[in-house]
């Protein structure tokens, strides 16, 4: 099973990137560069969704990226992140 969510990447003053998912409260991570931040975002999203499933909690619906783009600051951009979940999650 795959889940796709938009993530907001913020370029920080120390050249690292923080990443958060507006639809998933508390699902955040960071990386040393865009590539590393993307890998960390995939891992964070997979763990977050698996935890929701394992606790029988509802999985939020993803917002449209167009809606999120309207809220961005100059040092931010959005990207879709794909979580590939194990079939035996639970």
N, C-alpha and C. Protein backbone atom coordinates (compact mmCIF):
# COMPACT_ATOMS: atom_id res chain seq x y z
N UNK A 1 0.85 -1.17 0.00
CA UNK A 1 0.00 0.00 0.00
C UNK A 1 0.90 1.24 0.00
N UNK A 2 0.48 2.23 -0.76
CA UNK A 2 1.22 3.49 -0.79
C UNK A 2 0.32 4.63 -0.36
N UNK A 3 0.91 5.59 0.33
CA UNK A 3 0.24 6.83 0.72
C UNK A 3 1.12 7.98 0.26
N UNK A 4 0.49 9.01 -0.28
CA UNK A 4 1.22 10.17 -0.79
C UNK A 4 0.74 11.43 -0.07
N UNK A 5 1.67 12.18 0.46
CA UNK A 5 1.35 13.41 1.17
C UNK A 5 2.28 14.53 0.72
N UNK A 6 1.77 15.75 0.68
CA UNK A 6 2.65 16.88 0.42
C UNK A 6 3.45 17.23 1.68
N UNK A 7 4.70 17.56 1.48
CA UNK A 7 5.57 17.98 2.57
C UNK A 7 6.10 19.36 2.26
N UNK A 8 6.34 20.12 3.30
CA UNK A 8 6.95 21.44 3.15
C UNK A 8 8.41 21.35 3.60
N UNK A 9 9.31 21.72 2.69
CA UNK A 9 10.74 21.76 2.96
C UNK A 9 11.11 23.21 3.22
N UNK A 10 11.83 23.44 4.31
CA UNK A 10 12.29 24.78 4.65
C UNK A 10 13.81 24.79 4.65
N UNK A 11 14.38 25.68 3.82
CA UNK A 11 15.84 25.83 3.78
C UNK A 11 16.24 26.72 4.95
N UNK A 12 17.00 26.14 5.87
CA UNK A 12 17.40 26.85 7.08
C UNK A 12 18.70 27.63 6.87
N UNK A 13 18.99 28.52 7.80
CA UNK A 13 20.19 29.36 7.71
C UNK A 13 21.48 28.55 7.69
N UNK A 14 21.48 27.35 8.29
CA UNK A 14 22.68 26.52 8.33
C UNK A 14 22.76 25.58 7.13
N UNK A 15 21.98 25.86 6.09
CA UNK A 15 21.92 25.09 4.85
C UNK A 15 21.29 23.71 4.99
N UNK A 16 20.75 23.39 6.16
CA UNK A 16 19.99 22.15 6.30
C UNK A 16 18.54 22.42 5.91
N UNK A 17 17.77 21.36 5.81
CA UNK A 17 16.36 21.47 5.46
C UNK A 17 15.51 20.80 6.53
N UNK A 18 14.51 21.51 7.02
CA UNK A 18 13.52 20.87 7.86
C UNK A 18 12.34 20.51 6.97
N UNK A 19 11.64 19.46 7.35
CA UNK A 19 10.52 18.97 6.56
C UNK A 19 9.37 18.68 7.51
N UNK A 20 8.17 19.14 7.13
CA UNK A 20 7.00 18.74 7.91
C UNK A 20 5.83 18.52 6.97
N UNK A 21 4.88 17.76 7.48
CA UNK A 21 3.69 17.39 6.74
C UNK A 21 2.50 18.13 7.35
N UNK A 22 1.94 19.11 6.66
CA UNK A 22 0.85 19.91 7.22
C UNK A 22 -0.37 19.09 7.63
N UNK A 23 -0.58 17.95 7.00
CA UNK A 23 -1.75 17.13 7.30
C UNK A 23 -1.53 16.15 8.45
N UNK A 24 -0.30 16.03 8.91
CA UNK A 24 0.05 15.02 9.90
C UNK A 24 0.73 15.69 11.09
N UNK A 25 -0.04 16.03 12.08
CA UNK A 25 0.45 16.78 13.23
C UNK A 25 1.64 16.08 13.89
N UNK A 26 2.74 16.78 13.99
CA UNK A 26 3.93 16.27 14.64
C UNK A 26 4.85 15.44 13.76
N UNK A 27 4.49 15.24 12.51
CA UNK A 27 5.34 14.46 11.60
C UNK A 27 6.35 15.42 10.97
N UNK A 28 7.55 15.42 11.52
CA UNK A 28 8.59 16.35 11.10
C UNK A 28 9.93 15.63 11.07
N UNK A 29 10.84 16.16 10.28
CA UNK A 29 12.20 15.64 10.23
C UNK A 29 13.11 16.70 9.64
N UNK A 30 14.36 16.34 9.38
CA UNK A 30 15.29 17.28 8.76
C UNK A 30 16.36 16.49 8.01
N UNK A 31 17.15 17.20 7.21
CA UNK A 31 18.25 16.58 6.50
C UNK A 31 19.34 17.59 6.21
N UNK A 32 20.52 17.07 5.93
CA UNK A 32 21.69 17.92 5.67
C UNK A 32 21.62 18.61 4.32
N UNK A 33 20.83 18.04 3.39
CA UNK A 33 20.61 18.64 2.08
C UNK A 33 19.25 18.14 1.59
N UNK A 34 18.84 18.54 0.40
CA UNK A 34 17.51 18.17 -0.09
C UNK A 34 17.36 16.66 -0.22
N UNK A 35 18.39 16.00 -0.74
CA UNK A 35 18.30 14.55 -0.93
C UNK A 35 18.16 13.82 0.41
N UNK A 36 18.98 14.21 1.36
CA UNK A 36 18.93 13.59 2.69
C UNK A 36 17.59 13.89 3.36
N UNK A 37 17.13 15.13 3.25
CA UNK A 37 15.84 15.50 3.84
C UNK A 37 14.69 14.71 3.22
N UNK A 38 14.77 14.44 1.92
CA UNK A 38 13.73 13.65 1.25
C UNK A 38 13.72 12.22 1.78
N UNK A 39 14.89 11.62 1.91
CA UNK A 39 14.96 10.26 2.46
C UNK A 39 14.43 10.21 3.89
N UNK A 40 14.77 11.20 4.67
CA UNK A 40 14.28 11.25 6.05
C UNK A 40 12.77 11.46 6.08
N UNK A 41 12.24 12.25 5.14
CA UNK A 41 10.80 12.49 5.07
C UNK A 41 10.05 11.22 4.72
N UNK A 42 10.61 10.43 3.81
CA UNK A 42 9.98 9.14 3.46
C UNK A 42 9.91 8.26 4.71
N UNK A 43 11.01 8.16 5.42
CA UNK A 43 11.04 7.33 6.62
C UNK A 43 10.05 7.84 7.68
N UNK A 44 10.03 9.15 7.90
CA UNK A 44 9.12 9.73 8.88
C UNK A 44 7.66 9.46 8.51
N UNK A 45 7.33 9.63 7.23
CA UNK A 45 5.96 9.40 6.78
C UNK A 45 5.56 7.94 6.95
N UNK A 46 6.44 7.02 6.57
CA UNK A 46 6.13 5.60 6.72
C UNK A 46 5.89 5.22 8.17
N UNK A 47 6.76 5.69 9.06
CA UNK A 47 6.61 5.37 10.48
C UNK A 47 5.33 5.99 11.05
N UNK A 48 5.01 7.20 10.64
CA UNK A 48 3.82 7.88 11.14
C UNK A 48 2.56 7.13 10.71
N UNK A 49 2.46 6.80 9.43
CA UNK A 49 1.27 6.11 8.92
C UNK A 49 1.16 4.72 9.55
N UNK A 50 2.27 4.01 9.68
CA UNK A 50 2.24 2.69 10.31
C UNK A 50 1.75 2.79 11.75
N UNK A 51 2.18 3.83 12.47
CA UNK A 51 1.72 4.01 13.86
C UNK A 51 0.22 4.27 13.90
N UNK A 52 -0.29 5.08 12.98
CA UNK A 52 -1.74 5.31 12.94
C UNK A 52 -2.49 4.01 12.71
N UNK A 53 -2.02 3.22 11.76
CA UNK A 53 -2.67 1.95 11.45
C UNK A 53 -2.61 1.01 12.65
N UNK A 54 -1.45 0.90 13.25
CA UNK A 54 -1.27 -0.02 14.38
C UNK A 54 -2.10 0.37 15.60
N UNK A 55 -2.46 1.65 15.69
CA UNK A 55 -3.28 2.12 16.81
C UNK A 55 -4.74 2.33 16.41
N UNK A 56 -5.10 1.77 15.25
CA UNK A 56 -6.48 1.88 14.74
C UNK A 56 -6.99 3.31 14.69
N UNK A 57 -6.12 4.22 14.30
CA UNK A 57 -6.47 5.63 14.19
C UNK A 57 -6.72 5.96 12.72
N UNK A 58 -7.58 6.93 12.46
CA UNK A 58 -7.85 7.29 11.06
C UNK A 58 -6.63 7.92 10.39
N UNK A 59 -6.50 7.64 9.10
CA UNK A 59 -5.42 8.22 8.31
C UNK A 59 -5.97 9.47 7.64
N UNK A 60 -5.41 10.64 7.94
CA UNK A 60 -5.92 11.89 7.36
C UNK A 60 -5.84 11.91 5.84
N UNK A 61 -6.74 12.64 5.24
CA UNK A 61 -6.72 12.85 3.80
C UNK A 61 -5.68 13.92 3.48
N UNK A 62 -4.92 13.70 2.44
CA UNK A 62 -3.88 14.66 2.05
C UNK A 62 -4.48 15.90 1.43
N UNK A 63 -3.92 17.04 1.79
CA UNK A 63 -4.33 18.31 1.20
C UNK A 63 -3.79 18.42 -0.22
N UNK A 64 -4.40 19.30 -0.99
CA UNK A 64 -3.87 19.55 -2.32
C UNK A 64 -2.60 20.39 -2.19
N UNK A 65 -1.66 20.10 -3.05
CA UNK A 65 -0.40 20.84 -3.02
C UNK A 65 -0.62 22.30 -3.41
N UNK A 66 -1.64 22.56 -4.24
CA UNK A 66 -1.94 23.93 -4.63
C UNK A 66 -2.36 24.76 -3.42
N UNK A 67 -3.17 24.17 -2.54
CA UNK A 67 -3.61 24.87 -1.33
C UNK A 67 -2.41 25.19 -0.43
N UNK A 68 -1.52 24.23 -0.29
CA UNK A 68 -0.34 24.42 0.56
C UNK A 68 0.60 25.46 -0.04
N UNK A 69 0.76 25.45 -1.36
CA UNK A 69 1.67 26.40 -2.01
C UNK A 69 1.29 27.85 -1.72
N UNK A 70 0.02 28.11 -1.46
CA UNK A 70 -0.42 29.48 -1.18
C UNK A 70 0.08 30.00 0.16
N UNK A 71 0.57 29.11 1.02
CA UNK A 71 0.99 29.50 2.37
C UNK A 71 2.50 29.58 2.53
N UNK A 72 3.25 29.30 1.49
CA UNK A 72 4.70 29.18 1.61
C UNK A 72 5.43 30.50 1.77
N UNK A 73 6.53 30.44 2.50
CA UNK A 73 7.45 31.56 2.64
C UNK A 73 8.51 31.45 1.53
N UNK A 74 9.37 32.44 1.41
CA UNK A 74 10.38 32.47 0.36
C UNK A 74 11.41 31.37 0.43
N UNK A 75 11.68 30.83 1.61
CA UNK A 75 12.68 29.78 1.77
C UNK A 75 12.05 28.38 1.84
N UNK A 76 10.80 28.24 1.38
CA UNK A 76 10.09 26.97 1.45
C UNK A 76 9.65 26.50 0.07
N UNK A 77 9.52 25.18 -0.06
CA UNK A 77 8.91 24.59 -1.25
C UNK A 77 8.20 23.31 -0.84
N UNK A 78 7.28 22.86 -1.67
CA UNK A 78 6.56 21.62 -1.38
C UNK A 78 6.98 20.52 -2.34
N UNK A 79 6.83 19.32 -1.87
CA UNK A 79 7.08 18.14 -2.69
C UNK A 79 6.20 17.02 -2.18
N UNK A 80 5.76 16.16 -3.07
CA UNK A 80 5.02 14.97 -2.64
C UNK A 80 6.01 13.94 -2.14
N UNK A 81 5.65 13.29 -1.03
CA UNK A 81 6.44 12.21 -0.47
C UNK A 81 5.57 10.95 -0.49
N UNK A 82 6.16 9.86 -0.95
CA UNK A 82 5.44 8.59 -1.07
C UNK A 82 5.91 7.64 0.01
N UNK A 83 4.96 7.13 0.79
CA UNK A 83 5.25 6.10 1.78
C UNK A 83 4.80 4.76 1.23
N UNK A 84 5.69 3.80 1.21
CA UNK A 84 5.34 2.45 0.82
C UNK A 84 5.27 1.62 2.09
N UNK A 85 4.06 1.19 2.41
CA UNK A 85 3.83 0.50 3.67
C UNK A 85 3.84 -1.01 3.47
N UNK A 86 4.32 -1.69 4.50
CA UNK A 86 4.34 -3.15 4.47
C UNK A 86 2.92 -3.69 4.46
N UNK A 87 2.71 -4.77 3.79
CA UNK A 87 1.38 -5.38 3.72
C UNK A 87 0.92 -5.90 5.07
N UNK A 88 1.86 -6.29 5.92
CA UNK A 88 1.49 -6.86 7.22
C UNK A 88 1.50 -5.84 8.35
N UNK A 89 1.37 -4.58 8.03
CA UNK A 89 1.35 -3.54 9.05
C UNK A 89 0.11 -3.74 9.92
N UNK A 90 0.33 -3.83 11.20
CA UNK A 90 -0.73 -3.91 12.20
C UNK A 90 -0.22 -4.59 13.43
